PDB file of N, CA and C in Angstrom:
ATOM      1  N   ARG A   1      -2.830 -11.313  -2.370  1.00  0.00           N
ATOM      2  CA  ARG A   1      -2.955 -10.255  -3.361  1.00  0.00           C
ATOM      3  C   ARG A   1      -4.419  -9.992  -3.650  1.00  0.00           C
ATOM      4  N   THR A   2      -4.726  -8.759  -3.870  1.00  0.00           N
ATOM      5  CA  THR A   2      -6.085  -8.398  -4.233  1.00  0.00           C
ATOM      6  C   THR A   2      -6.113  -8.010  -5.700  1.00  0.00           C
ATOM      7  N   PRO A   3      -7.255  -8.155  -6.358  1.00  0.00           N
ATOM      8  CA  PRO A   3      -7.339  -7.744  -7.754  1.00  0.00           C
ATOM      9  C   PRO A   3      -6.946  -6.273  -7.890  1.00  0.00           C
ATOM     10  N   GLY A   4      -6.135  -5.993  -8.870  1.00  0.00           N
ATOM     11  CA  GLY A   4      -5.735  -4.614  -9.096  1.00  0.00           C
ATOM     12  C   GLY A   4      -4.623  -4.135  -8.201  1.00  0.00           C
ATOM     13  N   SER A   5      -3.958  -5.036  -7.465  1.00  0.00           N
ATOM     14  CA  SER A   5      -2.930  -4.587  -6.538  1.00  0.00           C
ATOM     15  C   SER A   5      -1.702  -4.032  -7.250  1.00  0.00           C
ATOM     16  N   GLU A   6      -1.616  -4.222  -8.537  1.00  0.00           N
ATOM     17  CA  GLU A   6      -0.513  -3.659  -9.310  1.00  0.00           C
ATOM     18  C   GLU A   6      -0.819  -2.214  -9.688  1.00  0.00           C
ATOM     19  N   GLY A   7      -1.913  -1.672  -9.218  1.00  0.00           N
ATOM     20  CA  GLY A   7      -2.228  -0.278  -9.499  1.00  0.00           C
ATOM     21  C   GLY A   7      -3.709  -0.049  -9.717  1.00  0.00           C
ATOM     22  N   GLY A   8      -4.452  -1.086  -9.957  1.00  0.00           N
ATOM     23  CA  GLY A   8      -5.897  -0.964 -10.056  1.00  0.00           C
ATOM     24  C   GLY A   8      -6.368  -0.419 -11.380  1.00  0.00           C
ATOM     25  N   ASP A   9      -7.650  -0.183 -11.448  1.00  0.00           N
ATOM     26  CA  ASP A   9      -8.258   0.259 -12.698  1.00  0.00           C
ATOM     27  C   ASP A   9      -8.312   1.775 -12.824  1.00  0.00           C
ATOM     28  N   GLY A  10      -7.874   2.496 -11.798  1.00  0.00           N
ATOM     29  CA  GLY A  10      -7.812   3.946 -11.882  1.00  0.00           C
ATOM     30  C   GLY A  10      -9.123   4.660 -11.634  1.00  0.00           C
ATOM     31  N   ASN A  11     -10.210   3.944 -11.373  1.00  0.00           N
ATOM     32  CA  ASN A  11     -11.493   4.599 -11.128  1.00  0.00           C
ATOM     33  C   ASN A  11     -11.505   5.260  -9.766  1.00  0.00           C
ATOM     34  N   ARG A  12     -12.140   6.426  -9.694  1.00  0.00           N
ATOM     35  CA  ARG A  12     -12.263   7.127  -8.417  1.00  0.00           C
ATOM     36  C   ARG A  12     -13.207   6.342  -7.513  1.00  0.00           C
ATOM     37  N   ARG A  13     -12.830   6.217  -6.285  1.00  0.00           N
ATOM     38  CA  ARG A  13     -13.651   5.500  -5.313  1.00  0.00           C
ATOM     39  C   ARG A  13     -14.149   6.487  -4.264  1.00  0.00           C
ATOM     40  N   SER A  14     -15.365   6.302  -3.810  1.00  0.00           N
ATOM     41  CA  SER A  14     -15.901   7.109  -2.724  1.00  0.00           C
ATOM     42  C   SER A  14     -15.660   6.342  -1.428  1.00  0.00           C
ATOM     43  N   LEU A  15     -14.842   6.915  -0.548  1.00  0.00           N
ATOM     44  CA  LEU A  15     -14.502   6.247   0.699  1.00  0.00           C
ATOM     45  C   LEU A  15     -15.074   7.027   1.871  1.00  0.00           C
ATOM     46  N   PRO A  16     -15.906   6.402   2.704  1.00  0.00           N
ATOM     47  CA  PRO A  16     -16.524   7.100   3.831  1.00  0.00           C
ATOM     48  C   PRO A  16     -15.602   7.142   5.058  1.00  0.00           C
ATOM     49  N   LEU A  17     -14.343   7.483   4.857  1.00  0.00           N
ATOM     50  CA  LEU A  17     -13.361   7.486   5.931  1.00  0.00           C
ATOM     51  C   LEU A  17     -12.560   8.776   5.896  1.00  0.00           C
ATOM     52  N   SER A  18     -11.810   9.036   6.969  1.00  0.00           N
ATOM     53  CA  SER A  18     -10.899  10.174   6.955  1.00  0.00           C
ATOM     54  C   SER A  18      -9.482   9.738   6.620  1.00  0.00           C
ATOM     55  N   PHE A  19      -9.243   8.405   6.563  1.00  0.00           N
ATOM     56  CA  PHE A  19      -7.920   7.903   6.210  1.00  0.00           C
ATOM     57  C   PHE A  19      -8.059   6.560   5.489  1.00  0.00           C
ATOM     58  N   ALA A  20      -6.988   6.168   4.832  1.00  0.00           N
ATOM     59  CA  ALA A  20      -6.936   4.859   4.191  1.00  0.00           C
ATOM     60  C   ALA A  20      -5.641   4.176   4.598  1.00  0.00           C
ATOM     61  N   TYR A  21      -5.692   2.869   4.693  1.00  0.00           N
ATOM     62  CA  TYR A  21      -4.529   2.046   5.013  1.00  0.00           C
ATOM     63  C   TYR A  21      -4.387   1.012   3.899  1.00  0.00           C
ATOM     64  N   ILE A  22      -3.284   1.066   3.185  1.00  0.00           N
ATOM     65  CA  ILE A  22      -3.057   0.178   2.050  1.00  0.00           C
ATOM     66  C   ILE A  22      -1.896  -0.740   2.377  1.00  0.00           C
ATOM     67  N   ARG A  23      -2.103  -2.038   2.167  1.00  0.00           N
ATOM     68  CA  ARG A  23      -1.016  -3.013   2.344  1.00  0.00           C
ATOM     69  C   ARG A  23      -0.655  -3.564   0.976  1.00  0.00           C
ATOM     70  N   LEU A  24       0.603  -3.397   0.614  1.00  0.00           N
ATOM     71  CA  LEU A  24       1.087  -3.902  -0.665  1.00  0.00           C
ATOM     72  C   LEU A  24       2.099  -5.002  -0.383  1.00  0.00           C
ATOM     73  N   HIS A  25       1.772  -6.218  -0.813  1.00  0.00           N
ATOM     74  CA  HIS A  25       2.577  -7.397  -0.496  1.00  0.00           C
ATOM     75  C   HIS A  25       3.574  -7.765  -1.583  1.00  0.00           C
ATOM     76  N   GLY A  26       3.682  -6.953  -2.602  1.00  0.00           N
ATOM     77  CA  GLY A  26       4.617  -7.228  -3.691  1.00  0.00           C
ATOM     78  C   GLY A  26       3.890  -7.500  -4.988  1.00  0.00           C
ATOM     79  N   PRO A  27       4.535  -7.170  -6.098  1.00  0.00           N
ATOM     80  CA  PRO A  27       3.885  -7.297  -7.397  1.00  0.00           C
ATOM     81  C   PRO A  27       3.916  -8.705  -7.986  1.00  0.00           C
ATOM     82  N   SER A  28       4.708  -9.586  -7.415  1.00  0.00           N
ATOM     83  CA  SER A  28       4.829 -10.922  -7.990  1.00  0.00           C
ATOM     84  C   SER A  28       3.789 -11.868  -7.396  1.00  0.00           C
ATOM     85  N   LEU A  29       3.661 -13.029  -8.006  1.00  0.00           N
ATOM     86  CA  LEU A  29       2.720 -14.024  -7.486  1.00  0.00           C
ATOM     87  C   LEU A  29       3.173 -14.569  -6.149  1.00  0.00           C
ATOM     88  N   ALA A  30       4.460 -14.561  -5.900  1.00  0.00           N
ATOM     89  CA  ALA A  30       4.984 -14.980  -4.602  1.00  0.00           C
ATOM     90  C   ALA A  30       4.817 -13.811  -3.625  1.00  0.00           C
ATOM     91  N   ALA A  31       4.078 -14.039  -2.570  1.00  0.00           N
ATOM     92  CA  ALA A  31       3.814 -12.970  -1.600  1.00  0.00           C
ATOM     93  C   ALA A  31       5.103 -12.456  -0.967  1.00  0.00           C
ATOM     94  N   TYR A  32       5.112 -11.188  -0.654  1.00  0.00           N
ATOM     95  CA  TYR A  32       6.211 -10.520   0.053  1.00  0.00           C
ATOM     96  C   TYR A  32       7.490 -10.432  -0.776  1.00  0.00           C
ATOM     97  N   ALA A  33       7.360 -10.517  -2.078  1.00  0.00           N
ATOM     98  CA  ALA A  33       8.539 -10.521  -2.935  1.00  0.00           C
ATOM     99  C   ALA A  33       8.360  -9.561  -4.099  1.00  0.00           C
ATOM    100  N   GLY A  34       9.455  -9.202  -4.706  1.00  0.00           N
ATOM    101  CA  GLY A  34       9.443  -8.389  -5.905  1.00  0.00           C
ATOM    102  C   GLY A  34       9.458  -6.905  -5.608  1.00  0.00           C
ATOM    103  N   CYS A  35       9.768  -6.162  -6.649  1.00  0.00           N
ATOM    104  CA  CYS A  35       9.870  -4.709  -6.557  1.00  0.00           C
ATOM    105  C   CYS A  35       8.818  -4.090  -7.473  1.00  0.00           C
ATOM    106  N   TYR A  36       8.027  -3.166  -6.949  1.00  0.00           N
ATOM    107  CA  TYR A  36       7.032  -2.489  -7.779  1.00  0.00           C
ATOM    108  C   TYR A  36       7.727  -1.611  -8.805  1.00  0.00           C
ATOM    109  N   THR A  37       7.199  -1.571 -10.010  1.00  0.00           N
ATOM    110  CA  THR A  37       7.759  -0.716 -11.045  1.00  0.00           C
ATOM    111  C   THR A  37       7.388   0.731 -10.758  1.00  0.00           C
ATOM    112  N   THR A  38       8.140   1.637 -11.334  1.00  0.00           N
ATOM    113  CA  THR A  38       7.824   3.058 -11.193  1.00  0.00           C
ATOM    114  C   THR A  38       6.425   3.339 -11.729  1.00  0.00           C
ATOM    115  N   GLU A  39       6.062   2.696 -12.824  1.00  0.00           N
ATOM    116  CA  GLU A  39       4.733   2.899 -13.403  1.00  0.00           C
ATOM    117  C   GLU A  39       3.636   2.449 -12.438  1.00  0.00           C
ATOM    118  N   ALA A  40       3.831   1.310 -11.770  1.00  0.00           N
ATOM    119  CA  ALA A  40       2.842   0.833 -10.797  1.00  0.00           C
ATOM    120  C   ALA A  40       2.720   1.815  -9.633  1.00  0.00           C
ATOM    121  N   LEU A  41       3.845   2.345  -9.170  1.00  0.00           N
ATOM    122  CA  LEU A  41       3.815   3.314  -8.075  1.00  0.00           C
ATOM    123  C   LEU A  41       3.167   4.624  -8.522  1.00  0.00           C
ATOM    124  N   ARG A  42       3.388   5.025  -9.753  1.00  0.00           N
ATOM    125  CA  ARG A  42       2.709   6.226 -10.275  1.00  0.00           C
ATOM    126  C   ARG A  42       1.199   6.016 -10.330  1.00  0.00           C
ATOM    127  N   THR A  43       0.788   4.808 -10.673  1.00  0.00           N
ATOM    128  CA  THR A  43      -0.641   4.495 -10.705  1.00  0.00           C
ATOM    129  C   THR A  43      -1.232   4.586  -9.304  1.00  0.00           C
ATOM    130  N   TRP A  44      -0.523   4.037  -8.315  1.00  0.00           N
ATOM    131  CA  TRP A  44      -0.992   4.157  -6.927  1.00  0.00           C
ATOM    132  C   TRP A  44      -1.039   5.622  -6.502  1.00  0.00           C
ATOM    133  N   ALA A  45      -0.017   6.398  -6.851  1.00  0.00           N
ATOM    134  CA  ALA A  45       0.014   7.820  -6.483  1.00  0.00           C
ATOM    135  C   ALA A  45      -1.165   8.556  -7.101  1.00  0.00           C
ATOM    136  N   ALA A  46      -1.471   8.263  -8.351  1.00  0.00           N
ATOM    137  CA  ALA A  46      -2.610   8.904  -9.014  1.00  0.00           C
ATOM    138  C   ALA A  46      -3.916   8.546  -8.312  1.00  0.00           C
ATOM    139  N   ARG A  47      -4.040   7.301  -7.922  1.00  0.00           N
ATOM    140  CA  ARG A  47      -5.250   6.874  -7.208  1.00  0.00           C
ATOM    141  C   ARG A  47      -5.350   7.581  -5.858  1.00  0.00           C
ATOM    142  N   ILE A  48      -4.257   7.623  -5.117  1.00  0.00           N
ATOM    143  CA  ILE A  48      -4.236   8.265  -3.798  1.00  0.00           C
ATOM    144  C   ILE A  48      -4.630   9.732  -3.907  1.00  0.00           C
ATOM    145  N   ARG A  49      -4.149  10.401  -4.941  1.00  0.00           N
ATOM    146  CA  ARG A  49      -4.458  11.831  -5.123  1.00  0.00           C
ATOM    147  C   ARG A  49      -5.946  12.094  -5.343  1.00  0.00           C
ATOM    148  N   THR A  50      -6.694  11.100  -5.815  1.00  0.00           N
ATOM    149  CA  THR A  50      -8.126  11.298  -6.058  1.00  0.00           C
ATOM    150  C   THR A  50      -8.954  11.182  -4.786  1.00  0.00           C
ATOM    151  N   TRP A  51      -8.371  10.623  -3.742  1.00  0.00           N
ATOM    152  CA  TRP A  51      -9.120  10.406  -2.508  1.00  0.00           C
ATOM    153  C   TRP A  51      -9.140  11.669  -1.669  1.00  0.00           C
ATOM    154  N   ASP A  52     -10.293  12.036  -1.185  1.00  0.00           N
ATOM    155  CA  ASP A  52     -10.451  13.199  -0.321  1.00  0.00           C
ATOM    156  C   ASP A  52     -10.322  12.743   1.128  1.00  0.00           C
ATOM    157  N   LEU A  53      -9.072  12.499   1.543  1.00  0.00           N
ATOM    158  CA  LEU A  53      -8.800  11.961   2.870  1.00  0.00           C
ATOM    159  C   LEU A  53      -7.771  12.820   3.585  1.00  0.00           C
ATOM    160  N   ARG A  54      -7.791  12.765   4.902  1.00  0.00           N
ATOM    161  CA  ARG A  54      -6.780  13.471   5.696  1.00  0.00           C
ATOM    162  C   ARG A  54      -5.431  12.790   5.624  1.00  0.00           C
ATOM    163  N   ALA A  55      -5.427  11.459   5.555  1.00  0.00           N
ATOM    164  CA  ALA A  55      -4.168  10.715   5.558  1.00  0.00           C
ATOM    165  C   ALA A  55      -4.336   9.413   4.789  1.00  0.00           C
ATOM    166  N   VAL A  56      -3.245   8.994   4.178  1.00  0.00           N
ATOM    167  CA  VAL A  56      -3.181   7.688   3.522  1.00  0.00           C
ATOM    168  C   VAL A  56      -1.904   7.025   3.997  1.00  0.00           C
ATOM    169  N   TYR A  57      -2.048   5.856   4.588  1.00  0.00           N
ATOM    170  CA  TYR A  57      -0.916   5.082   5.079  1.00  0.00           C
ATOM    171  C   TYR A  57      -0.697   3.910   4.127  1.00  0.00           C
ATOM    172  N   VAL A  58       0.503   3.799   3.599  1.00  0.00           N
ATOM    173  CA  VAL A  58       0.825   2.713   2.686  1.00  0.00           C
ATOM    174  C   VAL A  58       1.893   1.854   3.341  1.00  0.00           C
ATOM    175  N   TYR A  59       1.573   0.587   3.512  1.00  0.00           N
ATOM    176  CA  TYR A  59       2.495  -0.362   4.134  1.00  0.00           C
ATOM    177  C   TYR A  59       3.004  -1.315   3.060  1.00  0.00           C
ATOM    178  N   PHE A  60       4.282  -1.226   2.758  1.00  0.00           N
ATOM    179  CA  PHE A  60       4.903  -2.139   1.808  1.00  0.00           C
ATOM    180  C   PHE A  60       5.424  -3.339   2.577  1.00  0.00           C
ATOM    181  N   ASP A  61       4.936  -4.504   2.207  1.00  0.00           N
ATOM    182  CA  ASP A  61       5.317  -5.740   2.892  1.00  0.00           C
ATOM    183  C   ASP A  61       6.154  -6.638   1.986  1.00  0.00           C
ATOM    184  N   ASN A  62       6.664  -6.091   0.902  1.00  0.00           N
ATOM    185  CA  ASN A  62       7.532  -6.837  -0.006  1.00  0.00           C
ATOM    186  C   ASN A  62       8.968  -6.663   0.466  1.00  0.00           C
ATOM    187  N   ASP A  63       9.263  -7.269   1.615  1.00  0.00           N
ATOM    188  CA  ASP A  63      10.517  -6.994   2.310  1.00  0.00           C
ATOM    189  C   ASP A  63      11.701  -7.823   1.831  1.00  0.00           C
ATOM    190  N   GLN A  64      11.500  -8.696   0.871  1.00  0.00           N
ATOM    191  CA  GLN A  64      12.621  -9.451   0.325  1.00  0.00           C
ATOM    192  C   GLN A  64      13.585  -8.483  -0.373  1.00  0.00           C
ATOM    193  N   ALA A  65      14.853  -8.542  -0.060  1.00  0.00           N
ATOM    194  CA  ALA A  65      15.900  -7.713  -0.672  1.00  0.00           C
ATOM    195  C   ALA A  65      15.667  -6.217  -0.444  1.00  0.00           C
ATOM    196  N   ALA A  66      14.983  -5.856   0.613  1.00  0.00           N
ATOM    197  CA  ALA A  66      14.730  -4.454   0.984  1.00  0.00           C
ATOM    198  C   ALA A  66      13.936  -3.685  -0.065  1.00  0.00           C
ATOM    199  N   TYR A  67      13.130  -4.388  -0.855  1.00  0.00           N
ATOM    200  CA  TYR A  67      12.310  -3.696  -1.846  1.00  0.00           C
ATOM    201  C   TYR A  67      11.282  -2.786  -1.199  1.00  0.00           C
ATOM    202  N   ALA A  68      10.779  -3.158  -0.033  1.00  0.00           N
ATOM    203  CA  ALA A  68       9.759  -2.345   0.636  1.00  0.00           C
ATOM    204  C   ALA A  68      10.261  -0.936   0.893  1.00  0.00           C
ATOM    205  N   THR A  69      11.456  -0.822   1.416  1.00  0.00           N
ATOM    206  CA  THR A  69      12.025   0.495   1.701  1.00  0.00           C
ATOM    207  C   THR A  69      12.221   1.285   0.416  1.00  0.00           C
ATOM    208  N   HIS A  70      12.767   0.654  -0.596  1.00  0.00           N
ATOM    209  CA  HIS A  70      12.982   1.314  -1.885  1.00  0.00           C
ATOM    210  C   HIS A  70      11.664   1.813  -2.467  1.00  0.00           C
ATOM    211  N   ASN A  71      10.630   0.953  -2.464  1.00  0.00           N
ATOM    212  CA  ASN A  71       9.336   1.336  -3.017  1.00  0.00           C
ATOM    213  C   ASN A  71       8.669   2.437  -2.209  1.00  0.00           C
ATOM    214  N   ALA A  72       8.798   2.407  -0.892  1.00  0.00           N
ATOM    215  CA  ALA A  72       8.205   3.452  -0.049  1.00  0.00           C
ATOM    216  C   ALA A  72       8.840   4.810  -0.342  1.00  0.00           C
ATOM    217  N   VAL A  73      10.154   4.851  -0.435  1.00  0.00           N
ATOM    218  CA  VAL A  73      10.849   6.108  -0.727  1.00  0.00           C
ATOM    219  C   VAL A  73      10.468   6.612  -2.113  1.00  0.00           C
ATOM    220  N   GLU A  74      10.395   5.712  -3.088  1.00  0.00           N
ATOM    221  CA  GLU A  74      10.031   6.131  -4.449  1.00  0.00           C
ATOM    222  C   GLU A  74       8.603   6.668  -4.497  1.00  0.00           C
ATOM    223  N   LEU A  75       7.656   6.020  -3.812  1.00  0.00           N
ATOM    224  CA  LEU A  75       6.275   6.513  -3.792  1.00  0.00           C
ATOM    225  C   LEU A  75       6.206   7.889  -3.143  1.00  0.00           C
ATOM    226  N   MET A  76       6.946   8.082  -2.071  1.00  0.00           N
ATOM    227  CA  MET A  76       6.967   9.399  -1.416  1.00  0.00           C
ATOM    228  C   MET A  76       7.480  10.469  -2.377  1.00  0.00           C
ATOM    229  N   LYS A  77       8.514  10.164  -3.144  1.00  0.00           N
ATOM    230  CA  LYS A  77       9.048  11.122  -4.113  1.00  0.00           C
ATOM    231  C   LYS A  77       8.019  11.433  -5.194  1.00  0.00           C
ATOM    232  N   ILE A  78       7.338  10.414  -5.683  1.00  0.00           N
ATOM    233  CA  ILE A  78       6.312  10.614  -6.710  1.00  0.00           C
ATOM    234  C   ILE A  78       5.208  11.524  -6.182  1.00  0.00           C
ATOM    235  N   LEU A  79       4.855  11.349  -4.911  1.00  0.00           N
ATOM    236  CA  LEU A  79       3.792  12.156  -4.291  1.00  0.00           C
ATOM    237  C   LEU A  79       4.297  13.535  -3.843  1.00  0.00           C
ATOM    238  N   GLY A  80       5.595  13.778  -3.990  1.00  0.00           N
ATOM    239  CA  GLY A  80       6.147  15.073  -3.599  1.00  0.00           C
ATOM    240  C   GLY A  80       6.333  15.219  -2.109  1.00  0.00           C
ATOM    241  N   LEU A  81       6.515  14.115  -1.408  1.00  0.00           N
ATOM    242  CA  LEU A  81       6.709  14.131   0.033  1.00  0.00           C
ATOM    243  C   LEU A  81       8.199  13.969   0.351  1.00  0.00           C
ATOM    244  N   SER A  82       8.624  14.510   1.463  1.00  0.00           N
ATOM    245  CA  SER A  82      10.021  14.359   1.868  1.00  0.00           C
ATOM    246  C   SER A  82      10.203  13.030   2.596  1.00  0.00           C
ATOM    247  N   ASN A  83      11.426  12.541   2.605  1.00  0.00           N
ATOM    248  CA  ASN A  83      11.729  11.305   3.335  1.00  0.00           C
ATOM    249  C   ASN A  83      11.639  11.552   4.833  1.00  0.00           C
ATOM    250  N   PRO A  84      11.188  10.526   5.565  1.00  0.00           N
ATOM    251  CA  PRO A  84      11.108  10.692   7.022  1.00  0.00           C
ATOM    252  C   PRO A  84      12.494  10.773   7.656  1.00  0.00           C
TER     253      PRO A  84
END
């Protein structure tokens, strides 16, 4: 886990890239476990919207109990994206 992985501090970051790759391993202290809250996903969506990038890839690795799939679909809905 990295500091702020539950959504971060919300500050705009200047990224010298055309894309970002985010790995989310779960909100709990146990890696690869737990389900992100809607509020945490909204925080990530708000952060993603501030980035001037061509693409943002988010990899959910909290695969216990299929939370990764649930969280990915919910984040896509928050961002206004259609399901693949």
